[in-house]
Each structure stands twice: as C-alpha cells, then as structure tokens.
Amino acid sequence: MFKNLRYEIAKKGISIRELAERIGVSNSGLKNKLRGTYEFTRKEMVNIQKEVPECSTAYLFDLE
C-alpha cells in the first residue's frame, strides 16, 4: 500500500525509520500504517507531507 509515499521517500533517501522519527511515531507503528493495518492520523499525514513538500497528500496517500 501507499506506493507513491514509499517511492517519494525512497527518492529523497529517507528510510522508514527516519521518517518514523521525524513524524513522532514508532518504527513498527509506521510500518503497520504503511501496510494498511492501522490508519494514519491527519497530523501524521500532514507531517509526512512536510517531508516531501513538492507532493500533495492526495498523491502520497493514494491507495490505488
């Protein structure tokens, strides 16, 4: 899930662990959210989008 988000953070050289630290969630928590086990909060989505400001949240969190 979230292939656009995964692509964009990889393109910037940001690891999942780094992203988790930057947005204030645990590494395992972020992995679960990326798998779709849990949902992202609005605050997490906004904080993630700040890491890749050239991308919209709609693009980053597109489920297709």
N, C-alpha and C. Protein backbone atom coordinates (compact mmCIF):
# COMPACT_ATOMS: atom_id res chain seq x y z
N MET A 1 0.84 -1.19 0.00
CA MET A 1 0.00 0.00 0.00
C MET A 1 0.88 1.26 0.00
N PHE A 2 0.28 2.34 -0.37
CA PHE A 2 0.93 3.65 -0.38
C PHE A 2 2.21 3.67 -1.22
N LYS A 3 2.09 3.15 -2.44
CA LYS A 3 3.27 3.06 -3.30
C LYS A 3 3.86 4.43 -3.62
N ASN A 4 3.02 5.45 -3.77
CA ASN A 4 3.54 6.80 -4.06
C ASN A 4 4.35 7.33 -2.88
N LEU A 5 3.84 7.14 -1.68
CA LEU A 5 4.55 7.58 -0.49
C LEU A 5 5.89 6.85 -0.37
N ARG A 6 5.87 5.56 -0.53
CA ARG A 6 7.11 4.78 -0.45
C ARG A 6 8.12 5.23 -1.51
N TYR A 7 7.63 5.47 -2.72
CA TYR A 7 8.50 5.91 -3.81
C TYR A 7 9.13 7.26 -3.50
N GLU A 8 8.33 8.22 -3.06
CA GLU A 8 8.83 9.57 -2.83
C GLU A 8 9.82 9.64 -1.67
N ILE A 9 9.57 8.90 -0.60
CA ILE A 9 10.54 8.96 0.50
C ILE A 9 11.82 8.23 0.13
N ALA A 10 11.71 7.16 -0.65
CA ALA A 10 12.92 6.47 -1.13
C ALA A 10 13.72 7.38 -2.05
N LYS A 11 13.01 8.12 -2.91
CA LYS A 11 13.67 9.04 -3.84
C LYS A 11 14.46 10.10 -3.08
N LYS A 12 13.95 10.51 -1.92
CA LYS A 12 14.64 11.51 -1.11
C LYS A 12 15.70 10.90 -0.20
N GLY A 13 15.79 9.56 -0.19
CA GLY A 13 16.78 8.90 0.64
C GLY A 13 16.40 8.83 2.11
N ILE A 14 15.09 8.90 2.39
CA ILE A 14 14.61 8.84 3.76
C ILE A 14 14.17 7.41 4.05
N SER A 15 14.73 6.81 5.08
CA SER A 15 14.33 5.44 5.45
C SER A 15 13.03 5.48 6.24
N ILE A 16 12.40 4.33 6.35
CA ILE A 16 11.17 4.23 7.13
C ILE A 16 11.46 4.62 8.58
N ARG A 17 12.58 4.17 9.10
CA ARG A 17 12.97 4.50 10.48
C ARG A 17 13.13 6.01 10.65
N GLU A 18 13.80 6.66 9.70
CA GLU A 18 13.99 8.11 9.77
C GLU A 18 12.66 8.84 9.72
N LEU A 19 11.80 8.40 8.80
CA LEU A 19 10.50 9.04 8.67
C LEU A 19 9.70 8.89 9.95
N ALA A 20 9.74 7.71 10.55
CA ALA A 20 9.03 7.48 11.81
C ALA A 20 9.52 8.45 12.88
N GLU A 21 10.82 8.61 12.99
CA GLU A 21 11.39 9.53 13.98
C GLU A 21 10.95 10.96 13.70
N ARG A 22 10.97 11.37 12.45
CA ARG A 22 10.63 12.74 12.08
C ARG A 22 9.16 13.07 12.36
N ILE A 23 8.28 12.08 12.24
CA ILE A 23 6.86 12.37 12.46
C ILE A 23 6.39 11.97 13.86
N GLY A 24 7.30 11.39 14.66
CA GLY A 24 6.98 11.10 16.05
C GLY A 24 6.18 9.83 16.29
N VAL A 25 6.41 8.80 15.48
CA VAL A 25 5.77 7.50 15.71
C VAL A 25 6.86 6.43 15.77
N SER A 26 6.49 5.28 16.29
CA SER A 26 7.47 4.20 16.35
C SER A 26 7.70 3.63 14.96
N ASN A 27 8.84 3.00 14.79
CA ASN A 27 9.17 2.38 13.51
C ASN A 27 8.14 1.30 13.17
N SER A 28 7.81 0.45 14.12
CA SER A 28 6.84 -0.61 13.86
C SER A 28 5.45 -0.03 13.61
N GLY A 29 5.11 1.06 14.30
CA GLY A 29 3.82 1.70 14.07
C GLY A 29 3.70 2.23 12.65
N LEU A 30 4.77 2.85 12.15
CA LEU A 30 4.75 3.37 10.78
C LEU A 30 4.66 2.23 9.78
N LYS A 31 5.39 1.16 10.02
CA LYS A 31 5.32 0.01 9.11
C LYS A 31 3.90 -0.56 9.06
N ASN A 32 3.25 -0.65 10.22
CA ASN A 32 1.87 -1.13 10.25
C ASN A 32 0.93 -0.21 9.47
N LYS A 33 1.16 1.07 9.55
CA LYS A 33 0.32 2.03 8.83
C LYS A 33 0.57 1.94 7.33
N LEU A 34 1.81 1.72 6.94
CA LEU A 34 2.14 1.57 5.53
C LEU A 34 1.55 0.28 4.94
N ARG A 35 1.39 -0.73 5.77
CA ARG A 35 0.77 -1.99 5.35
C ARG A 35 -0.75 -1.89 5.30
N GLY A 36 -1.30 -0.85 5.95
CA GLY A 36 -2.75 -0.71 5.99
C GLY A 36 -3.39 -1.35 7.20
N THR A 37 -2.57 -1.84 8.13
CA THR A 37 -3.09 -2.45 9.36
C THR A 37 -3.79 -1.40 10.22
N TYR A 38 -3.21 -0.22 10.28
CA TYR A 38 -3.78 0.91 11.01
C TYR A 38 -3.83 2.11 10.08
N GLU A 39 -4.68 3.07 10.42
CA GLU A 39 -4.81 4.26 9.59
C GLU A 39 -3.90 5.37 10.09
N PHE A 40 -3.46 6.20 9.16
CA PHE A 40 -2.69 7.40 9.52
C PHE A 40 -3.64 8.42 10.12
N THR A 41 -3.15 9.17 11.10
CA THR A 41 -3.92 10.29 11.62
C THR A 41 -3.71 11.47 10.67
N ARG A 42 -4.57 12.43 10.76
CA ARG A 42 -4.44 13.63 9.93
C ARG A 42 -3.10 14.32 10.22
N LYS A 43 -2.74 14.40 11.50
CA LYS A 43 -1.49 15.05 11.89
C LYS A 43 -0.29 14.33 11.27
N GLU A 44 -0.30 13.00 11.29
CA GLU A 44 0.79 12.23 10.69
C GLU A 44 0.87 12.48 9.19
N MET A 45 -0.28 12.53 8.55
CA MET A 45 -0.30 12.78 7.11
C MET A 45 0.28 14.15 6.78
N VAL A 46 -0.08 15.14 7.56
CA VAL A 46 0.44 16.50 7.35
C VAL A 46 1.95 16.52 7.58
N ASN A 47 2.40 15.87 8.63
CA ASN A 47 3.84 15.85 8.93
C ASN A 47 4.63 15.10 7.86
N ILE A 48 4.07 14.04 7.33
CA ILE A 48 4.73 13.31 6.25
C ILE A 48 4.79 14.17 5.01
N GLN A 49 3.72 14.85 4.69
CA GLN A 49 3.69 15.71 3.51
C GLN A 49 4.73 16.82 3.61
N LYS A 50 5.02 17.29 4.81
CA LYS A 50 6.05 18.32 5.01
C LYS A 50 7.44 17.80 4.64
N GLU A 51 7.64 16.49 4.71
CA GLU A 51 8.92 15.89 4.34
C GLU A 51 9.11 15.85 2.82
N VAL A 52 8.02 15.86 2.09
CA VAL A 52 8.05 15.87 0.62
C VAL A 52 7.08 16.96 0.14
N PRO A 53 7.44 18.23 0.37
CA PRO A 53 6.51 19.33 0.10
C PRO A 53 6.10 19.48 -1.36
N GLU A 54 6.85 18.89 -2.27
CA GLU A 54 6.50 19.00 -3.68
C GLU A 54 5.36 18.06 -4.06
N CYS A 55 4.93 17.21 -3.12
CA CYS A 55 3.86 16.24 -3.38
C CYS A 55 2.64 16.55 -2.52
N SER A 56 1.48 16.39 -3.08
CA SER A 56 0.26 16.61 -2.31
C SER A 56 -0.06 15.39 -1.44
N THR A 57 -0.83 15.60 -0.41
CA THR A 57 -1.24 14.48 0.44
C THR A 57 -2.13 13.52 -0.36
N ALA A 58 -2.93 14.04 -1.26
CA ALA A 58 -3.78 13.18 -2.10
C ALA A 58 -2.92 12.21 -2.92
N TYR A 59 -1.83 12.70 -3.46
CA TYR A 59 -0.91 11.85 -4.23
C TYR A 59 -0.20 10.85 -3.32
N LEU A 60 0.35 11.33 -2.21
CA LEU A 60 1.12 10.46 -1.33
C LEU A 60 0.29 9.32 -0.73
N PHE A 61 -0.97 9.61 -0.43
CA PHE A 61 -1.81 8.62 0.24
C PHE A 61 -2.85 8.00 -0.67
N ASP A 62 -2.59 8.04 -1.96
CA ASP A 62 -3.47 7.38 -2.95
C ASP A 62 -3.35 5.87 -2.75
N LEU A 63 -4.48 5.20 -2.63
CA LEU A 63 -4.47 3.77 -2.35
C LEU A 63 -4.40 2.89 -3.59
N GLU A 64 -4.54 3.46 -4.76
CA GLU A 64 -4.52 2.65 -5.98
C GLU A 64 -3.12 2.27 -6.40
